[in-house]
Amino acid sequence: MSSYDRKIKRKQKKQAEKQLEKDIALKMGMFDRLPDECDSCEQSFDKQNREMVTTWNVVVREKEKIVRLYCPECWDRATKIIKEIEDARSTNL
């Protein structure tokens, strides 16, 4: 491997790290937009509760700058409905 190849790899690695930092900064900037309750059933959300933080689902729409929060029950219900719709479409084709 020549020094030129190493130089290119270092530059690519540095660019990737910068992009990662930008992505993290953008996502952390959206953290303050996190709601205090489920967007569907309005169950309260405690940001300090480790179990809630790991089990609840967050949907981020970066372009619209929208952050939505769903409890596990609402998330499961929504995924079941989507699966039923997809199955119905596939059987009708």
PDB file of N, CA and C in Angstrom:
ATOM      1  N   MET A   1       0.852  -1.172   0.000  1.00  0.00           N
ATOM      2  CA  MET A   1       0.000   0.000   0.000  1.00  0.00           C
ATOM      3  C   MET A   1       0.901   1.239   0.000  1.00  0.00           C
ATOM      4  N   SER A   2       0.661   2.117  -0.899  1.00  0.00           N
ATOM      5  CA  SER A   2       1.492   3.312  -1.016  1.00  0.00           C
ATOM      6  C   SER A   2       1.005   4.388  -0.042  1.00  0.00           C
ATOM      7  N   SER A   3       1.826   5.387   0.129  1.00  0.00           N
ATOM      8  CA  SER A   3       1.456   6.484   1.029  1.00  0.00           C
ATOM      9  C   SER A   3       0.246   7.240   0.480  1.00  0.00           C
ATOM     10  N   TYR A   4       0.101   7.242  -0.840  1.00  0.00           N
ATOM     11  CA  TYR A   4      -1.053   7.907  -1.462  1.00  0.00           C
ATOM     12  C   TYR A   4      -2.348   7.182  -1.090  1.00  0.00           C
ATOM     13  N   ASP A   5      -2.319   5.867  -1.102  1.00  0.00           N
ATOM     14  CA  ASP A   5      -3.498   5.082  -0.710  1.00  0.00           C
ATOM     15  C   ASP A   5      -3.871   5.342   0.747  1.00  0.00           C
ATOM     16  N   ARG A   6      -2.863   5.408   1.607  1.00  0.00           N
ATOM     17  CA  ARG A   6      -3.119   5.684   3.020  1.00  0.00           C
ATOM     18  C   ARG A   6      -3.714   7.082   3.195  1.00  0.00           C
ATOM     19  N   LYS A   7      -3.200   8.016   2.420  1.00  0.00           N
ATOM     20  CA  LYS A   7      -3.694   9.393   2.483  1.00  0.00           C
ATOM     21  C   LYS A   7      -5.168   9.448   2.092  1.00  0.00           C
ATOM     22  N   ILE A   8      -5.530   8.736   1.051  1.00  0.00           N
ATOM     23  CA  ILE A   8      -6.921   8.699   0.593  1.00  0.00           C
ATOM     24  C   ILE A   8      -7.806   8.060   1.660  1.00  0.00           C
ATOM     25  N   LYS A   9      -7.353   6.952   2.247  1.00  0.00           N
ATOM     26  CA  LYS A   9      -8.135   6.276   3.281  1.00  0.00           C
ATOM     27  C   LYS A   9      -8.316   7.160   4.509  1.00  0.00           C
ATOM     28  N   ARG A  10      -7.271   7.887   4.899  1.00  0.00           N
ATOM     29  CA  ARG A  10      -7.389   8.795   6.041  1.00  0.00           C
ATOM     30  C   ARG A  10      -8.408   9.894   5.752  1.00  0.00           C
ATOM     31  N   LYS A  11      -8.362  10.421   4.546  1.00  0.00           N
ATOM     32  CA  LYS A  11      -9.287  11.489   4.163  1.00  0.00           C
ATOM     33  C   LYS A  11     -10.729  10.973   4.159  1.00  0.00           C
ATOM     34  N   GLN A  12     -10.956   9.766   3.619  1.00  0.00           N
ATOM     35  CA  GLN A  12     -12.293   9.178   3.604  1.00  0.00           C
ATOM     36  C   GLN A  12     -12.792   8.927   5.022  1.00  0.00           C
ATOM     37  N   LYS A  13     -11.911   8.445   5.879  1.00  0.00           N
ATOM     38  CA  LYS A  13     -12.292   8.172   7.260  1.00  0.00           C
ATOM     39  C   LYS A  13     -12.667   9.472   7.970  1.00  0.00           C
ATOM     40  N   LYS A  14     -11.902  10.516   7.728  1.00  0.00           N
ATOM     41  CA  LYS A  14     -12.180  11.802   8.348  1.00  0.00           C
ATOM     42  C   LYS A  14     -13.518  12.366   7.866  1.00  0.00           C
ATOM     43  N   GLN A  15     -13.800  12.230   6.571  1.00  0.00           N
ATOM     44  CA  GLN A  15     -15.073  12.697   6.024  1.00  0.00           C
ATOM     45  C   GLN A  15     -16.242  11.911   6.617  1.00  0.00           C
ATOM     46  N   ALA A  16     -16.073  10.605   6.768  1.00  0.00           N
ATOM     47  CA  ALA A  16     -17.123   9.770   7.350  1.00  0.00           C
ATOM     48  C   ALA A  16     -17.386  10.174   8.806  1.00  0.00           C
ATOM     49  N   GLU A  17     -16.327  10.459   9.559  1.00  0.00           N
ATOM     50  CA  GLU A  17     -16.486  10.874  10.950  1.00  0.00           C
ATOM     51  C   GLU A  17     -17.206  12.217  11.040  1.00  0.00           C
ATOM     52  N   LYS A  18     -16.885  13.148  10.142  1.00  0.00           N
ATOM     53  CA  LYS A  18     -17.558  14.447  10.128  1.00  0.00           C
ATOM     54  C   LYS A  18     -19.042  14.280   9.821  1.00  0.00           C
ATOM     55  N   GLN A  19     -19.368  13.415   8.867  1.00  0.00           N
ATOM     56  CA  GLN A  19     -20.769  13.177   8.514  1.00  0.00           C
ATOM     57  C   GLN A  19     -21.506  12.558   9.687  1.00  0.00           C
ATOM     58  N   LEU A  20     -20.875  11.629  10.374  1.00  0.00           N
ATOM     59  CA  LEU A  20     -21.481  11.000  11.542  1.00  0.00           C
ATOM     60  C   LEU A  20     -21.753  12.039  12.626  1.00  0.00           C
ATOM     61  N   GLU A  21     -20.800  12.939  12.862  1.00  0.00           N
ATOM     62  CA  GLU A  21     -20.993  13.988  13.861  1.00  0.00           C
ATOM     63  C   GLU A  21     -22.154  14.901  13.486  1.00  0.00           C
ATOM     64  N   LYS A  22     -22.277  15.227  12.193  1.00  0.00           N
ATOM     65  CA  LYS A  22     -23.392  16.062  11.735  1.00  0.00           C
ATOM     66  C   LYS A  22     -24.720  15.354  11.962  1.00  0.00           C
ATOM     67  N   ASP A  23     -24.776  14.059  11.636  1.00  0.00           N
ATOM     68  CA  ASP A  23     -26.005  13.285  11.813  1.00  0.00           C
ATOM     69  C   ASP A  23     -26.409  13.229  13.281  1.00  0.00           C
ATOM     70  N   ILE A  24     -25.441  12.998  14.155  1.00  0.00           N
ATOM     71  CA  ILE A  24     -25.728  12.925  15.589  1.00  0.00           C
ATOM     72  C   ILE A  24     -26.200  14.276  16.107  1.00  0.00           C
ATOM     73  N   ALA A  25     -25.550  15.339  15.668  1.00  0.00           N
ATOM     74  CA  ALA A  25     -25.951  16.685  16.102  1.00  0.00           C
ATOM     75  C   ALA A  25     -27.374  17.000  15.663  1.00  0.00           C
ATOM     76  N   LEU A  26     -27.722  16.597  14.461  1.00  0.00           N
ATOM     77  CA  LEU A  26     -29.077  16.834  13.955  1.00  0.00           C
ATOM     78  C   LEU A  26     -30.100  16.073  14.779  1.00  0.00           C
ATOM     79  N   LYS A  27     -29.808  14.817  15.068  1.00  0.00           N
ATOM     80  CA  LYS A  27     -30.747  14.008  15.845  1.00  0.00           C
ATOM     81  C   LYS A  27     -30.854  14.501  17.287  1.00  0.00           C
ATOM     82  N   MET A  28     -29.756  14.919  17.868  1.00  0.00           N
ATOM     83  CA  MET A  28     -29.790  15.441  19.231  1.00  0.00           C
ATOM     84  C   MET A  28     -30.519  16.779  19.271  1.00  0.00           C
ATOM     85  N   GLY A  29     -30.434  17.539  18.201  1.00  0.00           N
ATOM     86  CA  GLY A  29     -31.164  18.794  18.120  1.00  0.00           C
ATOM     87  C   GLY A  29     -32.661  18.575  18.089  1.00  0.00           C
ATOM     88  N   MET A  30     -33.087  17.424  17.614  1.00  0.00           N
ATOM     89  CA  MET A  30     -34.509  17.093  17.551  1.00  0.00           C
ATOM     90  C   MET A  30     -34.997  16.506  18.885  1.00  0.00           C
ATOM     91  N   PHE A  31     -34.087  16.172  19.792  1.00  0.00           N
ATOM     92  CA  PHE A  31     -34.463  15.537  21.050  1.00  0.00           C
ATOM     93  C   PHE A  31     -35.380  16.435  21.879  1.00  0.00           C
ATOM     94  N   ASP A  32     -35.172  17.734  21.811  1.00  0.00           N
ATOM     95  CA  ASP A  32     -36.018  18.631  22.595  1.00  0.00           C
ATOM     96  C   ASP A  32     -37.448  18.683  22.058  1.00  0.00           C
ATOM     97  N   ARG A  33     -37.675  18.167  20.875  1.00  0.00           N
ATOM     98  CA  ARG A  33     -39.016  18.115  20.292  1.00  0.00           C
ATOM     99  C   ARG A  33     -39.776  16.848  20.702  1.00  0.00           C
ATOM    100  N   LEU A  34     -39.126  15.968  21.458  1.00  0.00           N
ATOM    101  CA  LEU A  34     -39.750  14.714  21.879  1.00  0.00           C
ATOM    102  C   LEU A  34     -40.963  15.009  22.761  1.00  0.00           C
ATOM    103  N   PRO A  35     -42.130  14.488  22.400  1.00  0.00           N
ATOM    104  CA  PRO A  35     -43.342  14.746  23.189  1.00  0.00           C
ATOM    105  C   PRO A  35     -43.292  14.093  24.567  1.00  0.00           C
ATOM    106  N   ASP A  36     -44.187  14.502  25.436  1.00  0.00           N
ATOM    107  CA  ASP A  36     -44.271  13.953  26.791  1.00  0.00           C
ATOM    108  C   ASP A  36     -45.315  12.858  26.919  1.00  0.00           C
ATOM    109  N   GLU A  37     -45.942  12.497  25.785  1.00  0.00           N
ATOM    110  CA  GLU A  37     -46.978  11.467  25.816  1.00  0.00           C
ATOM    111  C   GLU A  37     -47.058  10.781  24.465  1.00  0.00           C
ATOM    112  N   CYS A  38     -47.698   9.623  24.466  1.00  0.00           N
ATOM    113  CA  CYS A  38     -47.913   8.866  23.231  1.00  0.00           C
ATOM    114  C   CYS A  38     -48.795   9.696  22.290  1.00  0.00           C
ATOM    115  N   ASP A  39     -48.414   9.758  21.031  1.00  0.00           N
ATOM    116  CA  ASP A  39     -49.189  10.531  20.065  1.00  0.00           C
ATOM    117  C   ASP A  39     -50.525   9.886  19.736  1.00  0.00           C
ATOM    118  N   SER A  40     -50.687   8.643  20.068  1.00  0.00           N
ATOM    119  CA  SER A  40     -51.927   7.954  19.746  1.00  0.00           C
ATOM    120  C   SER A  40     -52.896   7.913  20.934  1.00  0.00           C
ATOM    121  N   CYS A  41     -52.434   7.375  22.050  1.00  0.00           N
ATOM    122  CA  CYS A  41     -53.334   7.187  23.197  1.00  0.00           C
ATOM    123  C   CYS A  41     -53.117   8.199  24.322  1.00  0.00           C
ATOM    124  N   GLU A  42     -52.132   9.058  24.177  1.00  0.00           N
ATOM    125  CA  GLU A  42     -51.813  10.112  25.137  1.00  0.00           C
ATOM    126  C   GLU A  42     -51.366   9.594  26.501  1.00  0.00           C
ATOM    127  N   GLN A  43     -50.824   8.372  26.539  1.00  0.00           N
ATOM    128  CA  GLN A  43     -50.242   7.853  27.777  1.00  0.00           C
ATOM    129  C   GLN A  43     -48.979   8.655  28.059  1.00  0.00           C
ATOM    130  N   SER A  44     -48.751   9.047  29.314  1.00  0.00           N
ATOM    131  CA  SER A  44     -47.610   9.902  29.638  1.00  0.00           C
ATOM    132  C   SER A  44     -46.296   9.130  29.491  1.00  0.00           C
ATOM    133  N   PHE A  45     -45.253   9.873  29.125  1.00  0.00           N
ATOM    134  CA  PHE A  45     -43.921   9.311  28.892  1.00  0.00           C
ATOM    135  C   PHE A  45     -42.942   9.983  29.834  1.00  0.00           C
ATOM    136  N   ASP A  46     -42.195   9.172  30.580  1.00  0.00           N
ATOM    137  CA  ASP A  46     -41.193   9.682  31.507  1.00  0.00           C
ATOM    138  C   ASP A  46     -39.813   9.494  30.886  1.00  0.00           C
ATOM    139  N   LYS A  47     -39.153  10.596  30.546  1.00  0.00           N
ATOM    140  CA  LYS A  47     -37.845  10.538  29.893  1.00  0.00           C
ATOM    141  C   LYS A  47     -36.770   9.991  30.820  1.00  0.00           C
ATOM    142  N   GLN A  48     -37.015   9.977  32.114  1.00  0.00           N
ATOM    143  CA  GLN A  48     -36.044   9.478  33.084  1.00  0.00           C
ATOM    144  C   GLN A  48     -36.177   7.971  33.336  1.00  0.00           C
ATOM    145  N   ASN A  49     -37.274   7.376  32.888  1.00  0.00           N
ATOM    146  CA  ASN A  49     -37.540   5.960  33.099  1.00  0.00           C
ATOM    147  C   ASN A  49     -36.827   5.151  32.018  1.00  0.00           C
ATOM    148  N   ARG A  50     -35.840   4.373  32.413  1.00  0.00           N
ATOM    149  CA  ARG A  50     -35.020   3.613  31.470  1.00  0.00           C
ATOM    150  C   ARG A  50     -35.850   2.626  30.655  1.00  0.00           C
ATOM    151  N   GLU A  51     -36.806   1.967  31.303  1.00  0.00           N
ATOM    152  CA  GLU A  51     -37.640   0.993  30.588  1.00  0.00           C
ATOM    153  C   GLU A  51     -38.476   1.671  29.502  1.00  0.00           C
ATOM    154  N   MET A  52     -39.055   2.824  29.821  1.00  0.00           N
ATOM    155  CA  MET A  52     -39.848   3.539  28.821  1.00  0.00           C
ATOM    156  C   MET A  52     -38.972   3.990  27.655  1.00  0.00           C
ATOM    157  N   VAL A  53     -37.798   4.474  27.968  1.00  0.00           N
ATOM    158  CA  VAL A  53     -36.900   4.967  26.924  1.00  0.00           C
ATOM    159  C   VAL A  53     -36.510   3.848  25.966  1.00  0.00           C
ATOM    160  N   THR A  54     -36.361   2.633  26.482  1.00  0.00           N
ATOM    161  CA  THR A  54     -35.929   1.525  25.629  1.00  0.00           C
ATOM    162  C   THR A  54     -37.078   0.820  24.919  1.00  0.00           C
ATOM    163  N   THR A  55     -38.306   0.942  25.429  1.00  0.00           N
ATOM    164  CA  THR A  55     -39.412   0.199  24.826  1.00  0.00           C
ATOM    165  C   THR A  55     -40.315   1.048  23.931  1.00  0.00           C
ATOM    166  N   TRP A  56     -40.376   2.329  24.146  1.00  0.00           N
ATOM    167  CA  TRP A  56     -41.223   3.188  23.322  1.00  0.00           C
ATOM    168  C   TRP A  56     -40.556   3.450  21.981  1.00  0.00           C
ATOM    169  N   ASN A  57     -41.352   3.776  20.959  1.00  0.00           N
ATOM    170  CA  ASN A  57     -40.836   3.998  19.606  1.00  0.00           C
ATOM    171  C   ASN A  57     -40.934   5.464  19.223  1.00  0.00           C
ATOM    172  N   VAL A  58     -39.857   5.939  18.619  1.00  0.00           N
ATOM    173  CA  VAL A  58     -39.776   7.328  18.181  1.00  0.00           C
ATOM    174  C   VAL A  58     -39.680   7.346  16.660  1.00  0.00           C
ATOM    175  N   VAL A  59     -40.499   8.180  16.032  1.00  0.00           N
ATOM    176  CA  VAL A  59     -40.460   8.353  14.582  1.00  0.00           C
ATOM    177  C   VAL A  59     -40.045   9.791  14.323  1.00  0.00           C
ATOM    178  N   VAL A  60     -38.944   9.967  13.586  1.00  0.00           N
ATOM    179  CA  VAL A  60     -38.425  11.302  13.303  1.00  0.00           C
ATOM    180  C   VAL A  60     -38.547  11.575  11.816  1.00  0.00           C
ATOM    181  N   ARG A  61     -39.173  12.679  11.489  1.00  0.00           N
ATOM    182  CA  ARG A  61     -39.260  13.154  10.106  1.00  0.00           C
ATOM    183  C   ARG A  61     -38.400  14.401  10.039  1.00  0.00           C
ATOM    184  N   GLU A  62     -37.164  14.212   9.568  1.00  0.00           N
ATOM    185  CA  GLU A  62     -36.193  15.297   9.593  1.00  0.00           C
ATOM    186  C   GLU A  62     -36.603  16.475   8.713  1.00  0.00           C
ATOM    187  N   LYS A  63     -37.102  16.200   7.505  1.00  0.00           N
ATOM    188  CA  LYS A  63     -37.461  17.289   6.602  1.00  0.00           C
ATOM    189  C   LYS A  63     -38.563  18.163   7.184  1.00  0.00           C
ATOM    190  N   GLU A  64     -39.562  17.523   7.795  1.00  0.00           N
ATOM    191  CA  GLU A  64     -40.680  18.263   8.376  1.00  0.00           C
ATOM    192  C   GLU A  64     -40.390  18.718   9.798  1.00  0.00           C
ATOM    193  N   LYS A  65     -39.275  18.249  10.375  1.00  0.00           N
ATOM    194  CA  LYS A  65     -38.885  18.534  11.761  1.00  0.00           C
ATOM    195  C   LYS A  65     -39.991  18.123  12.731  1.00  0.00           C
ATOM    196  N   ILE A  66     -40.460  16.889  12.544  1.00  0.00           N
ATOM    197  CA  ILE A  66     -41.516  16.336  13.389  1.00  0.00           C
ATOM    198  C   ILE A  66     -40.974  15.109  14.119  1.00  0.00           C
ATOM    199  N   VAL A  67     -41.256  15.039  15.407  1.00  0.00           N
ATOM    200  CA  VAL A  67     -40.878  13.878  16.215  1.00  0.00           C
ATOM    201  C   VAL A  67     -42.159  13.327  16.822  1.00  0.00           C
ATOM    202  N   ARG A  68     -42.404  12.045  16.587  1.00  0.00           N
ATOM    203  CA  ARG A  68     -43.600  11.400  17.128  1.00  0.00           C
ATOM    204  C   ARG A  68     -43.173  10.277  18.056  1.00  0.00           C
ATOM    205  N   LEU A  69     -43.965  10.060  19.087  1.00  0.00           N
ATOM    206  CA  LEU A  69     -43.653   9.081  20.116  1.00  0.00           C
ATOM    207  C   LEU A  69     -44.839   8.142  20.283  1.00  0.00           C
ATOM    208  N   TYR A  70     -44.556   6.831  20.319  1.00  0.00           N
ATOM    209  CA  TYR A  70     -45.617   5.827  20.441  1.00  0.00           C
ATOM    210  C   TYR A  70     -45.282   4.827  21.531  1.00  0.00           C
ATOM    211  N   CYS A  71     -46.279   4.508  22.359  1.00  0.00           N
ATOM    212  CA  CYS A  71     -46.101   3.488  23.397  1.00  0.00           C
ATOM    213  C   CYS A  71     -46.074   2.111  22.722  1.00  0.00           C
ATOM    214  N   PRO A  72     -45.568   1.089  23.404  1.00  0.00           N
ATOM    215  CA  PRO A  72     -45.481  -0.243  22.793  1.00  0.00           C
ATOM    216  C   PRO A  72     -46.825  -0.802  22.339  1.00  0.00           C
ATOM    217  N   GLU A  73     -47.891  -0.550  23.099  1.00  0.00           N
ATOM    218  CA  GLU A  73     -49.203  -1.081  22.729  1.00  0.00           C
ATOM    219  C   GLU A  73     -49.697  -0.465  21.411  1.00  0.00           C
ATOM    220  N   CYS A  74     -49.592   0.851  21.300  1.00  0.00           N
ATOM    221  CA  CYS A  74     -50.037   1.528  20.070  1.00  0.00           C
ATOM    222  C   CYS A  74     -49.159   1.134  18.886  1.00  0.00           C
ATOM    223  N   TRP A  75     -47.858   0.975  19.140  1.00  0.00           N
ATOM    224  CA  TRP A  75     -46.942   0.590  18.072  1.00  0.00           C
ATOM    225  C   TRP A  75     -47.290  -0.805  17.551  1.00  0.00           C
ATOM    226  N   ASP A  76     -47.551  -1.741  18.473  1.00  0.00           N
ATOM    227  CA  ASP A  76     -47.917  -3.100  18.068  1.00  0.00           C
ATOM    228  C   ASP A  76     -49.230  -3.111  17.295  1.00  0.00           C
ATOM    229  N   ARG A  77     -50.199  -2.345  17.772  1.00  0.00           N
ATOM    230  CA  ARG A  77     -51.495  -2.262  17.097  1.00  0.00           C
ATOM    231  C   ARG A  77     -51.319  -1.717  15.673  1.00  0.00           C
ATOM    232  N   ALA A  78     -50.513  -0.682  15.520  1.00  0.00           N
ATOM    233  CA  ALA A  78     -50.294  -0.082  14.201  1.00  0.00           C
ATOM    234  C   ALA A  78     -49.566  -1.045  13.265  1.00  0.00           C
ATOM    235  N   THR A  79     -48.572  -1.763  13.768  1.00  0.00           N
ATOM    236  CA  THR A  79     -47.851  -2.704  12.901  1.00  0.00           C
ATOM    237  C   THR A  79     -48.753  -3.861  12.483  1.00  0.00           C
ATOM    238  N   LYS A  80     -49.650  -4.302  13.368  1.00  0.00           N
ATOM    239  CA  LYS A  80     -50.599  -5.368  13.005  1.00  0.00           C
ATOM    240  C   LYS A  80     -51.548  -4.902  11.900  1.00  0.00           C
ATOM    241  N   ILE A  81     -52.028  -3.672  12.022  1.00  0.00           N
ATOM    242  CA  ILE A  81     -52.928  -3.124  11.000  1.00  0.00           C
ATOM    243  C   ILE A  81     -52.216  -3.021   9.661  1.00  0.00           C
ATOM    244  N   ILE A  82     -50.987  -2.544   9.686  1.00  0.00           N
ATOM    245  CA  ILE A  82     -50.212  -2.425   8.440  1.00  0.00           C
ATOM    246  C   ILE A  82     -49.989  -3.795   7.826  1.00  0.00           C
ATOM    247  N   LYS A  83     -49.667  -4.790   8.661  1.00  0.00           N
ATOM    248  CA  LYS A  83     -49.448  -6.145   8.155  1.00  0.00           C
ATOM    249  C   LYS A  83     -50.730  -6.705   7.529  1.00  0.00           C
ATOM    250  N   GLU A  84     -51.865  -6.460   8.169  1.00  0.00           N
ATOM    251  CA  GLU A  84     -53.144  -6.927   7.618  1.00  0.00           C
ATOM    252  C   GLU A  84     -53.427  -6.280   6.268  1.00  0.00           C
ATOM    253  N   ILE A  85     -53.152  -5.008   6.146  1.00  0.00           N
ATOM    254  CA  ILE A  85     -53.372  -4.300   4.878  1.00  0.00           C
ATOM    255  C   ILE A  85     -52.452  -4.859   3.788  1.00  0.00           C
ATOM    256  N   GLU A  86     -51.184  -5.082   4.137  1.00  0.00           N
ATOM    257  CA  GLU A  86     -50.236  -5.645   3.167  1.00  0.00           C
ATOM    258  C   GLU A  86     -50.668  -7.050   2.736  1.00  0.00           C
ATOM    259  N   ASP A  87     -51.133  -7.847   3.696  1.00  0.00           N
ATOM    260  CA  ASP A  87     -51.585  -9.202   3.367  1.00  0.00           C
ATOM    261  C   ASP A  87     -52.815  -9.155   2.467  1.00  0.00           C
ATOM    262  N   ALA A  88     -53.725  -8.232   2.741  1.00  0.00           N
ATOM    263  CA  ALA A  88     -54.924  -8.096   1.917  1.00  0.00           C
ATOM    264  C   ALA A  88     -54.556  -7.680   0.495  1.00  0.00           C
ATOM    265  N   ARG A  89     -53.594  -6.796   0.369  1.00  0.00           N
ATOM    266  CA  ARG A  89     -53.137  -6.365  -0.968  1.00  0.00           C
ATOM    267  C   ARG A  89     -52.513  -7.506  -1.732  1.00  0.00           C
ATOM    268  N   SER A  90     -51.693  -8.298  -1.040  1.00  0.00           N
ATOM    269  CA  SER A  90     -50.996  -9.389  -1.716  1.00  0.00           C
ATOM    270  C   SER A  90     -51.975 -10.499  -2.158  1.00  0.00           C
ATOM    271  N   THR A  91     -53.050 -10.708  -1.412  1.00  0.00           N
ATOM    272  CA  THR A  91     -54.017 -11.725  -1.792  1.00  0.00           C
ATOM    273  C   THR A  91     -54.927 -11.249  -2.929  1.00  0.00           C
ATOM    274  N   ASN A  92     -55.095  -9.926  -3.052  1.00  0.00           N
ATOM    275  CA  ASN A  92     -55.933  -9.370  -4.118  1.00  0.00           C
ATOM    276  C   ASN A  92     -55.184  -9.269  -5.453  1.00  0.00           C
ATOM    277  N   LEU A  93     -53.891  -9.390  -5.408  1.00  0.00           N
ATOM    278  CA  LEU A  93     -53.123  -9.302  -6.666  1.00  0.00           C
ATOM    279  C   LEU A  93     -53.207 -10.584  -7.378  1.00  0.00           C
TER     280      LEU A  93
END
